N, C-alpha and C. Protein backbone atom coordinates (compact mmCIF):
# COMPACT_ATOMS: atom_id res chain seq x y z
N UNK A 1 99.01 117.97 153.50
CA UNK A 1 99.76 118.48 151.82
C UNK A 1 99.34 119.75 151.50
N UNK A 2 100.44 120.56 151.69
CA UNK A 2 100.00 121.99 151.57
C UNK A 2 99.19 123.04 150.55
N UNK A 3 99.46 123.44 150.23
CA UNK A 3 97.96 124.30 148.94
C UNK A 3 99.31 124.52 147.79
N UNK A 4 100.48 124.59 148.44
CA UNK A 4 101.39 125.00 146.93
C UNK A 4 101.70 123.61 146.76
N UNK A 5 101.71 122.74 147.27
CA UNK A 5 102.19 121.52 146.72
C UNK A 5 101.28 120.50 146.30
N UNK A 6 99.97 121.01 146.04
CA UNK A 6 98.64 120.73 145.51
C UNK A 6 99.01 121.47 144.33
N UNK A 7 98.92 122.86 144.06
CA UNK A 7 99.57 123.01 143.11
C UNK A 7 100.24 123.37 142.13
N UNK A 8 100.93 122.68 142.43
CA UNK A 8 102.83 122.20 141.77
C UNK A 8 102.10 121.00 141.29
N UNK A 9 101.78 119.96 141.80
CA UNK A 9 101.01 118.48 141.44
C UNK A 9 100.61 118.83 140.13
N UNK A 10 99.40 120.13 140.70
CA UNK A 10 98.23 120.09 139.51
C UNK A 10 99.22 120.54 138.16
N UNK A 11 99.78 121.68 138.01
CA UNK A 11 100.37 122.51 137.22
C UNK A 11 101.58 120.47 136.29
N UNK A 12 101.80 120.05 137.24
CA UNK A 12 102.51 119.00 136.84
C UNK A 12 101.91 117.98 135.78
N UNK A 13 100.89 117.72 136.08
CA UNK A 13 99.61 117.25 135.50
C UNK A 13 99.15 117.54 134.48
N UNK A 14 98.85 118.90 134.41
CA UNK A 14 97.83 119.94 133.11
C UNK A 14 99.45 119.71 131.79
N UNK A 15 100.17 119.73 132.87
CA UNK A 15 101.75 120.01 131.55
C UNK A 15 101.96 118.94 130.86
N UNK A 16 101.48 117.71 131.51
CA UNK A 16 101.89 116.01 130.87
C UNK A 16 100.38 116.13 130.34
N UNK A 17 99.47 116.52 130.72
CA UNK A 17 98.20 116.29 129.45
C UNK A 17 98.75 117.40 128.27
N UNK A 18 99.17 118.50 128.31
CA UNK A 18 99.29 119.04 126.82
C UNK A 18 100.25 118.46 126.03
N UNK A 19 101.95 117.31 127.33
CA UNK A 19 102.19 117.29 126.55
C UNK A 19 101.45 115.98 125.54
N UNK A 20 101.24 115.39 126.29
CA UNK A 20 100.35 114.04 126.34
C UNK A 20 99.79 114.19 124.57
N UNK A 21 98.81 115.93 124.43
CA UNK A 21 97.76 116.08 123.65
C UNK A 21 98.51 116.19 122.74
N UNK A 22 99.85 117.06 122.88
CA UNK A 22 100.79 116.89 121.72
C UNK A 22 101.03 115.66 120.75
N UNK A 23 101.70 115.04 121.54
CA UNK A 23 102.43 113.77 121.06
C UNK A 23 101.45 113.20 120.40
N UNK A 24 100.22 112.54 120.90
CA UNK A 24 99.21 112.24 120.36
C UNK A 24 98.95 112.61 118.77
N UNK A 25 98.80 114.00 118.64
CA UNK A 25 99.16 114.72 117.34
C UNK A 25 99.75 114.80 116.20
N UNK A 26 101.17 114.01 117.13
CA UNK A 26 102.43 114.26 116.22
C UNK A 26 102.21 112.98 116.02
N UNK A 27 101.88 111.86 116.45
CA UNK A 27 101.39 110.51 116.08
C UNK A 27 100.53 109.64 115.37
N UNK A 28 99.29 110.57 115.25
CA UNK A 28 98.49 110.33 114.50
C UNK A 28 99.37 111.14 112.93
N UNK A 29 100.06 112.40 113.08
CA UNK A 29 100.56 112.48 111.78
C UNK A 29 101.13 111.40 110.92
N UNK A 30 102.37 111.21 111.44
CA UNK A 30 103.15 110.18 111.62
C UNK A 30 102.57 108.98 110.92
N UNK A 31 101.58 109.21 111.59
CA UNK A 31 100.65 107.16 111.16
C UNK A 31 99.95 107.77 109.91
N UNK A 32 99.29 109.13 109.62
CA UNK A 32 98.60 109.09 108.40
C UNK A 32 99.59 108.44 107.39
N UNK A 33 100.97 108.88 107.51
CA UNK A 33 101.75 108.69 106.22
C UNK A 33 101.96 107.46 105.90
N UNK A 34 102.22 106.89 107.23
CA UNK A 34 102.45 105.38 107.27
C UNK A 34 100.82 104.60 106.33
N UNK A 35 100.34 105.06 107.01
CA UNK A 35 98.76 104.00 106.52
C UNK A 35 98.71 104.23 104.79
N UNK A 36 98.85 105.66 104.32
CA UNK A 36 98.70 106.01 102.59
C UNK A 36 99.98 104.94 102.45
N UNK A 37 100.87 104.57 102.82
CA UNK A 37 101.97 104.21 102.08
C UNK A 37 101.50 102.74 102.12
N UNK A 38 100.93 102.02 102.64
CA UNK A 38 100.53 101.23 103.24
C UNK A 38 99.48 100.23 102.07
N UNK A 39 98.57 101.21 102.50
CA UNK A 39 97.20 101.54 101.31
C UNK A 39 97.82 101.13 99.38
N UNK A 40 98.73 102.25 99.47
CA UNK A 40 99.67 102.30 98.25
C UNK A 40 99.38 100.82 97.71
N UNK A 41 101.13 99.79 98.98
CA UNK A 41 101.70 98.82 98.71
C UNK A 41 100.51 97.98 98.25
N UNK A 42 99.45 98.12 98.94
CA UNK A 42 98.59 96.78 99.01
C UNK A 42 97.76 96.97 97.49
N UNK A 43 97.29 98.92 97.13
CA UNK A 43 96.81 98.57 95.80
C UNK A 43 97.68 98.12 94.74
N UNK A 44 99.18 98.16 94.68
CA UNK A 44 100.47 97.68 94.11
C UNK A 44 100.32 96.73 93.79
N UNK A 45 99.84 95.64 94.92
CA UNK A 45 100.13 94.23 95.04
C UNK A 45 98.60 93.33 94.17
N UNK A 46 97.49 93.96 94.87
CA UNK A 46 96.09 94.02 94.00
C UNK A 46 95.95 94.25 92.64
N UNK A 47 97.11 95.25 92.42
CA UNK A 47 97.27 95.22 90.45
C UNK A 47 97.96 94.00 89.98
N UNK A 48 98.72 93.81 90.70
CA UNK A 48 99.77 92.64 90.16
C UNK A 48 98.69 91.37 90.14
N UNK A 49 97.91 90.82 91.30
CA UNK A 49 96.99 89.72 91.62
C UNK A 49 96.25 89.89 90.14
N UNK A 50 95.19 91.34 89.42
CA UNK A 50 94.39 91.76 89.15
C UNK A 50 95.37 90.94 87.39
N UNK A 51 96.45 91.64 87.43
CA UNK A 51 97.60 91.96 86.19
C UNK A 51 97.90 90.20 85.57
N UNK A 52 98.56 89.49 86.69
CA UNK A 52 98.91 88.62 86.18
C UNK A 52 98.71 86.84 87.03
N UNK A 53 98.59 87.67 87.52
CA UNK A 53 97.69 86.01 88.40
C UNK A 53 96.65 85.63 87.68
N UNK A 54 95.44 86.58 87.54
CA UNK A 54 94.02 86.41 87.58
C UNK A 54 93.22 85.80 88.89
N UNK A 55 93.66 86.45 89.96
CA UNK A 55 93.07 86.03 90.80
C UNK A 55 91.30 86.46 91.15
N UNK A 56 90.94 85.69 91.50
CA UNK A 56 88.99 86.40 92.43
C UNK A 56 89.45 87.16 93.26
N UNK A 57 88.90 88.13 92.62
CA UNK A 57 88.76 89.36 93.31
C UNK A 57 89.17 89.70 95.28
N UNK A 58 88.32 88.60 95.92
CA UNK A 58 88.31 88.75 97.24
C UNK A 58 89.68 88.32 97.80
N UNK A 59 90.65 87.12 96.95
CA UNK A 59 91.33 86.66 97.24
C UNK A 59 92.66 87.13 96.96
N UNK A 60 92.67 88.44 95.97
CA UNK A 60 93.91 89.17 95.87
C UNK A 60 93.33 90.26 97.05
N UNK A 61 92.44 90.70 97.33
CA UNK A 61 92.53 91.71 98.21
C UNK A 61 92.73 90.71 99.97
N UNK A 62 92.50 89.99 99.87
CA UNK A 62 93.09 89.75 101.01
C UNK A 62 94.98 89.29 101.01
N UNK A 63 95.48 88.95 100.17
CA UNK A 63 96.97 89.21 99.49
C UNK A 63 96.98 90.17 99.94
N UNK A 64 96.72 91.59 98.79
CA UNK A 64 97.10 92.54 99.27
C UNK A 64 96.64 93.43 100.43
N UNK A 65 96.18 92.91 101.41
CA UNK A 65 95.14 93.10 102.64
C UNK A 65 96.84 92.90 103.66
N UNK A 66 97.60 91.61 103.26
CA UNK A 66 99.04 91.41 103.90
C UNK A 66 99.70 92.20 103.84
N UNK A 67 100.38 92.41 102.50
CA UNK A 67 100.99 92.99 102.34
C UNK A 67 100.61 94.27 103.39
N UNK A 68 99.97 95.42 102.52
CA UNK A 68 99.74 95.89 103.35
C UNK A 68 99.48 96.56 104.86
N UNK A 69 98.69 95.43 105.62
CA UNK A 69 98.78 94.85 107.17
C UNK A 69 98.24 96.71 107.71
N UNK A 70 98.15 96.24 109.34
CA UNK A 70 97.47 97.79 110.21
C UNK A 70 96.79 97.80 109.68
N UNK A 71 96.35 98.90 110.06
CA UNK A 71 94.73 99.53 109.41
C UNK A 71 94.37 99.47 108.21
N UNK A 72 95.11 99.15 107.46
CA UNK A 72 95.04 99.94 106.07
C UNK A 72 94.64 97.83 105.45
N UNK A 73 95.60 97.24 106.09
CA UNK A 73 95.72 96.11 105.50
C UNK A 73 93.98 95.43 105.85
N UNK A 74 93.57 96.07 107.38
CA UNK A 74 92.51 95.49 107.82
C UNK A 74 91.01 95.87 106.77
N UNK A 75 91.66 97.15 106.19
CA UNK A 75 90.29 97.98 105.62
C UNK A 75 90.58 97.22 104.08
N UNK A 76 90.84 96.76 103.72
CA UNK A 76 91.19 96.48 102.36
C UNK A 76 90.69 94.55 102.82
N UNK A 77 91.17 93.49 104.37
CA UNK A 77 90.68 92.94 104.59
C UNK A 77 89.26 92.56 104.25
N UNK A 78 88.69 93.71 104.93
CA UNK A 78 87.39 93.86 105.34
C UNK A 78 86.65 94.24 104.05
N UNK A 79 87.06 94.60 102.67
CA UNK A 79 86.10 94.94 101.57
C UNK A 79 86.22 93.52 100.75
N UNK A 80 87.61 92.39 100.76
CA UNK A 80 87.57 91.50 100.59
C UNK A 80 86.46 90.63 101.01
N UNK A 81 86.39 90.54 102.01
CA UNK A 81 85.11 89.75 103.16
C UNK A 81 83.81 90.38 102.73
N UNK A 82 83.34 91.12 102.51
CA UNK A 82 82.31 91.89 102.02
C UNK A 82 82.02 91.50 100.89
N UNK A 83 82.70 91.25 100.02
CA UNK A 83 82.79 90.72 98.55
C UNK A 83 82.57 89.02 98.35
N UNK A 84 83.18 88.73 99.23
CA UNK A 84 83.05 87.04 99.95
C UNK A 84 82.21 86.10 100.66
N UNK A 85 81.96 87.37 101.50
CA UNK A 85 81.01 86.48 102.66
C UNK A 85 79.43 87.15 102.18
N UNK A 86 79.74 88.05 102.03
CA UNK A 86 77.90 89.06 102.03
C UNK A 86 78.12 89.05 100.50
N UNK A 87 77.92 88.75 99.52
CA UNK A 87 78.00 88.78 98.22
C UNK A 87 77.93 90.38 97.65
N UNK A 88 78.60 91.16 98.44
CA UNK A 88 78.28 92.39 98.08
C UNK A 88 79.13 93.12 96.76
N UNK A 89 78.83 94.16 96.25
CA UNK A 89 80.02 94.45 95.42
C UNK A 89 80.89 95.20 95.75
N UNK A 90 82.18 95.28 95.07
CA UNK A 90 83.23 95.72 95.16
C UNK A 90 82.90 97.71 95.99
N UNK A 91 82.07 98.36 95.22
CA UNK A 91 81.88 99.85 95.62
C UNK A 91 81.18 99.92 97.15
N UNK A 92 80.40 99.12 97.49
CA UNK A 92 79.19 99.13 98.96
C UNK A 92 80.24 98.18 99.44
N UNK A 93 81.01 96.89 99.69
CA UNK A 93 81.78 96.63 100.61
C UNK A 93 83.13 97.82 100.87
N UNK A 94 83.10 98.28 100.13
CA UNK A 94 84.35 99.81 100.44
C UNK A 94 83.89 100.66 101.42
N UNK A 95 82.33 100.96 100.99
CA UNK A 95 81.27 101.99 102.14
C UNK A 95 81.95 101.28 103.07
N UNK A 96 81.31 100.73 103.50
CA UNK A 96 81.16 99.96 104.63
C UNK A 96 82.54 99.82 105.42
N UNK A 97 82.99 99.12 104.68
CA UNK A 97 84.45 99.18 105.59
C UNK A 97 84.96 100.03 106.14
N UNK A 98 84.72 101.15 104.67
CA UNK A 98 85.36 102.62 105.34
C UNK A 98 84.78 102.72 106.62
N UNK A 99 83.46 102.72 106.38
CA UNK A 99 82.29 103.54 107.26
C UNK A 99 82.64 103.00 108.91
N UNK A 100 83.19 102.01 108.80
CA UNK A 100 83.47 100.96 109.95
C UNK A 100 84.67 101.57 110.33
N UNK A 101 85.56 102.06 109.79
CA UNK A 101 87.08 101.50 109.72
C UNK A 101 87.18 103.59 110.09
N UNK A 102 86.89 103.94 109.74
CA UNK A 102 87.40 105.51 109.55
C UNK A 102 87.87 106.52 111.01
N UNK A 103 87.06 106.01 111.91
CA UNK A 103 87.73 106.53 113.29
C UNK A 103 89.07 106.67 113.76
N UNK A 104 89.23 105.02 113.71
CA UNK A 104 90.04 104.39 113.76
C UNK A 104 91.71 104.57 113.08
N UNK A 105 91.51 105.17 111.65
CA UNK A 105 92.18 105.03 110.94
C UNK A 105 93.00 106.75 111.00
N UNK A 106 93.95 106.93 110.51
CA UNK A 106 95.20 108.15 110.24
C UNK A 106 93.88 108.92 108.76
N UNK A 107 94.23 107.94 108.04
CA UNK A 107 93.94 108.56 106.75
C UNK A 107 92.92 109.00 106.65
N UNK A 108 92.59 110.39 106.00
CA UNK A 108 91.23 110.98 105.97
C UNK A 108 90.74 110.69 104.33
N UNK A 109 89.42 110.82 104.51
CA UNK A 109 88.37 110.99 103.49
C UNK A 109 88.99 111.40 102.18
N UNK A 110 89.49 112.79 102.02
CA UNK A 110 90.00 113.00 100.75
C UNK A 110 91.25 112.21 100.10
N UNK A 111 92.53 111.57 101.92
CA UNK A 111 92.95 110.74 101.47
C UNK A 111 93.33 109.32 100.26
N UNK A 112 91.97 108.80 100.57
CA UNK A 112 91.42 107.81 99.71
C UNK A 112 90.54 107.95 98.80
N UNK A 113 90.18 108.88 98.54
CA UNK A 113 89.56 108.94 97.73
C UNK A 113 89.37 108.19 96.13
N UNK A 114 90.63 107.99 96.07
CA UNK A 114 91.10 107.41 94.93
C UNK A 114 90.97 105.86 94.75
N UNK A 115 90.75 104.98 96.32
CA UNK A 115 90.31 103.70 96.62
C UNK A 115 88.89 103.82 96.33
N UNK A 116 88.51 104.48 96.67
CA UNK A 116 86.45 105.18 96.65
C UNK A 116 86.83 105.12 95.08
N UNK A 117 86.65 105.53 94.39
CA UNK A 117 86.79 105.43 92.59
C UNK A 117 87.34 104.01 92.62
N UNK A 118 88.11 103.62 92.43
CA UNK A 118 88.75 102.47 92.19
C UNK A 118 87.84 101.08 92.56
N UNK A 119 87.50 101.14 93.73
CA UNK A 119 86.08 100.18 93.84
C UNK A 119 84.97 100.54 93.52
N UNK A 120 84.58 101.78 92.83
CA UNK A 120 83.25 101.97 92.02
C UNK A 120 83.57 101.50 90.13
N UNK A 121 84.74 101.01 89.97
CA UNK A 121 84.97 100.40 88.71
C UNK A 121 85.65 99.40 88.70
N UNK A 122 86.11 98.28 90.06
CA UNK A 122 86.71 97.40 90.23
C UNK A 122 85.32 95.97 89.70
N UNK A 123 86.20 95.13 89.09
CA UNK A 123 85.46 94.48 88.15
C UNK A 123 84.09 94.13 87.34
N UNK A 124 84.09 95.86 86.85
CA UNK A 124 83.39 96.00 85.87
C UNK A 124 83.79 96.00 84.48
N UNK A 125 84.77 95.43 84.14
CA UNK A 125 85.71 95.76 82.81
C UNK A 125 86.94 95.24 82.83
N UNK A 126 87.14 94.56 81.56
CA UNK A 126 88.32 93.53 81.46
C UNK A 126 89.41 93.66 82.23
N UNK A 127 90.08 92.63 82.02
CA UNK A 127 91.23 92.95 83.07
C UNK A 127 92.72 94.05 83.10
N UNK A 128 92.79 93.95 82.08
CA UNK A 128 93.55 95.45 81.48
C UNK A 128 93.11 96.85 82.04
N UNK A 129 91.71 96.85 81.42
CA UNK A 129 90.95 97.92 82.35
C UNK A 129 91.16 98.20 83.84
N UNK A 130 90.76 96.94 84.43
CA UNK A 130 91.25 96.86 86.03
C UNK A 130 92.34 97.30 86.28
N UNK A 131 93.49 97.08 85.83
CA UNK A 131 95.07 97.17 86.16
C UNK A 131 95.23 98.50 85.98
N UNK A 132 94.90 99.31 84.78
CA UNK A 132 95.23 100.43 84.80
C UNK A 132 94.21 101.44 85.92
N UNK A 133 93.28 100.88 86.38
CA UNK A 133 92.11 101.58 87.52
C UNK A 133 93.04 101.49 88.12
N UNK A 134 93.16 100.44 88.80
CA UNK A 134 94.24 100.33 90.28
C UNK A 134 95.72 100.69 90.26
N UNK A 135 96.56 101.13 89.00
CA UNK A 135 97.41 101.74 89.06
C UNK A 135 96.93 102.96 89.13
N UNK A 136 96.47 103.46 88.54
CA UNK A 136 96.10 105.36 88.34
C UNK A 136 95.53 105.55 90.08
N UNK A 137 95.03 104.41 90.61
CA UNK A 137 94.83 104.58 92.24
C UNK A 137 95.78 104.39 93.48
N UNK A 138 97.05 103.89 92.94
CA UNK A 138 98.02 103.77 94.11
C UNK A 138 99.12 104.79 93.47
N UNK A 139 99.14 105.33 91.92
CA UNK A 139 100.11 106.95 92.08
C UNK A 139 99.28 107.86 92.44
N UNK A 140 97.73 107.69 92.63
CA UNK A 140 96.98 108.92 93.08
C UNK A 140 97.44 108.62 95.21
N UNK A 141 97.62 107.73 95.22
CA UNK A 141 98.21 107.30 97.19
C UNK A 141 99.65 107.95 97.07
N UNK A 142 100.23 107.74 95.90
CA UNK A 142 101.78 107.84 96.36
C UNK A 142 102.14 109.60 96.28
N UNK A 143 101.11 110.65 95.41
CA UNK A 143 101.19 111.26 95.36
C UNK A 143 100.76 112.24 96.49
N UNK A 144 99.76 112.18 96.88
CA UNK A 144 99.07 112.25 98.33
C UNK A 144 100.23 111.89 99.14
N UNK A 145 101.12 110.79 99.19
CA UNK A 145 101.79 110.82 100.14
C UNK A 145 103.11 111.46 100.13
N UNK A 146 103.35 111.50 99.21
CA UNK A 146 104.63 112.38 98.63
C UNK A 146 104.74 113.63 98.44
N UNK A 147 103.48 114.36 98.84
CA UNK A 147 103.13 115.88 99.20
C UNK A 147 103.49 116.24 100.43
N UNK A 148 102.55 114.95 101.50
CA UNK A 148 102.64 114.85 102.84
C UNK A 148 103.96 114.48 103.67
N UNK A 149 104.97 113.73 103.14
CA UNK A 149 105.66 113.59 103.48
C UNK A 149 106.70 114.41 104.16
N UNK A 150 107.10 115.61 103.11
CA UNK A 150 108.05 116.36 103.78
C UNK A 150 107.56 117.13 105.09
N UNK A 151 106.12 117.67 105.06
CA UNK A 151 105.41 118.29 106.10
C UNK A 151 105.24 117.73 107.05
N UNK A 152 105.21 116.25 106.94
CA UNK A 152 104.79 115.22 108.24
C UNK A 152 105.71 115.56 109.68
N UNK A 153 106.95 115.42 108.83
CA UNK A 153 108.03 115.18 110.37
C UNK A 153 108.01 117.03 110.90
N UNK A 154 108.02 117.57 109.78
CA UNK A 154 107.62 119.40 110.30
C UNK A 154 106.95 119.40 110.99
N UNK A 155 105.40 119.09 110.78
CA UNK A 155 104.54 119.31 111.27
C UNK A 155 104.20 118.16 113.04
N UNK A 156 104.95 117.59 112.41
CA UNK A 156 104.41 116.45 113.84
C UNK A 156 105.87 117.15 115.17
N UNK A 157 106.33 117.55 115.05
CA UNK A 157 107.72 118.17 116.35
C UNK A 157 106.96 119.47 116.64
N UNK A 158 105.99 120.39 115.50
CA UNK A 158 105.32 121.23 115.82
C UNK A 158 104.31 121.11 116.75
N UNK A 159 103.33 120.01 116.17
CA UNK A 159 102.27 119.61 116.87
C UNK A 159 102.88 119.57 118.50
N UNK A 160 103.95 118.20 118.84
CA UNK A 160 104.42 117.62 120.31
C UNK A 160 105.09 119.39 120.40
N UNK A 161 105.44 120.15 119.91
CA UNK A 161 105.99 121.15 120.97
C UNK A 161 105.01 122.00 121.31
N UNK A 162 103.93 122.34 120.36
CA UNK A 162 103.12 123.34 120.65
C UNK A 162 101.58 122.23 122.11
N UNK A 163 101.63 121.13 121.85
CA UNK A 163 101.54 120.58 123.15
C UNK A 163 101.83 120.51 124.75
N UNK A 164 103.42 120.80 124.37
CA UNK A 164 104.13 120.92 125.60
C UNK A 164 104.10 122.29 126.24
N UNK A 165 103.90 123.07 125.29
CA UNK A 165 103.99 124.91 125.53
C UNK A 165 102.65 124.98 126.26
N UNK A 166 101.64 124.75 125.67
CA UNK A 166 100.29 125.11 125.92
C UNK A 166 100.07 124.38 127.60
N UNK A 167 100.73 123.04 127.60
CA UNK A 167 100.25 122.49 128.69
C UNK A 167 101.38 123.22 129.88
N UNK A 168 102.59 123.94 129.22
CA UNK A 168 103.35 124.43 130.12
C UNK A 168 103.07 125.36 130.81
N UNK A 169 102.13 126.61 129.91
CA UNK A 169 101.80 128.06 129.63
C UNK A 169 100.32 127.38 131.02
N UNK A 170 99.40 126.42 130.60
CA UNK A 170 98.53 126.19 131.29
C UNK A 170 98.38 125.61 132.63
N UNK A 171 99.82 125.62 133.22
CA UNK A 171 100.75 124.77 134.19
C UNK A 171 100.78 126.73 134.79
N UNK A 172 101.66 127.45 134.37
CA UNK A 172 102.04 128.49 134.87
C UNK A 172 100.76 129.21 135.48
N UNK A 173 99.70 129.02 134.23
CA UNK A 173 98.63 129.54 135.35
C UNK A 173 97.95 129.01 136.41
N UNK A 174 97.56 128.19 136.62
CA UNK A 174 97.36 127.54 137.78
C UNK A 174 98.15 127.21 138.47
N UNK A 175 99.74 127.64 138.78
CA UNK A 175 100.54 128.64 139.90
C UNK A 175 100.09 129.46 140.13
């Protein structure tokens, strides 16, 4: 194979790597919004379970996890398991579950501060107060998602384009 052909193949691979990096960043931005919405849906179910069904907290979290699905559901399910199987309090169960999953999830720590604050108060007061705490946390997640939504698609397109253009620029330098 000629040196030019090797450079050409190297340029193609560099451009593809740049495009792949941009696509991954764009996917992560879209996934962050989806996870926020899923956590919000899970908290709404949790609020209904606490308010109307008077379901024990581990079972309510399991139901919320099924509705949320994905990474958000896995996170809520882990909190419920921490309560039920390990006898942890909601705050400790949340911290452990979040610490174990934060690297695999697209949501950020500041995105889920409302859930962390909720877990600190969950199970420590009467039903109406807990329902209000859950509703407030769900509203805060909805607010974060609403702020992110208009920018998310635009940001994802920009990230994808920058990855591709960066890869093409590097490919030109290789040639």
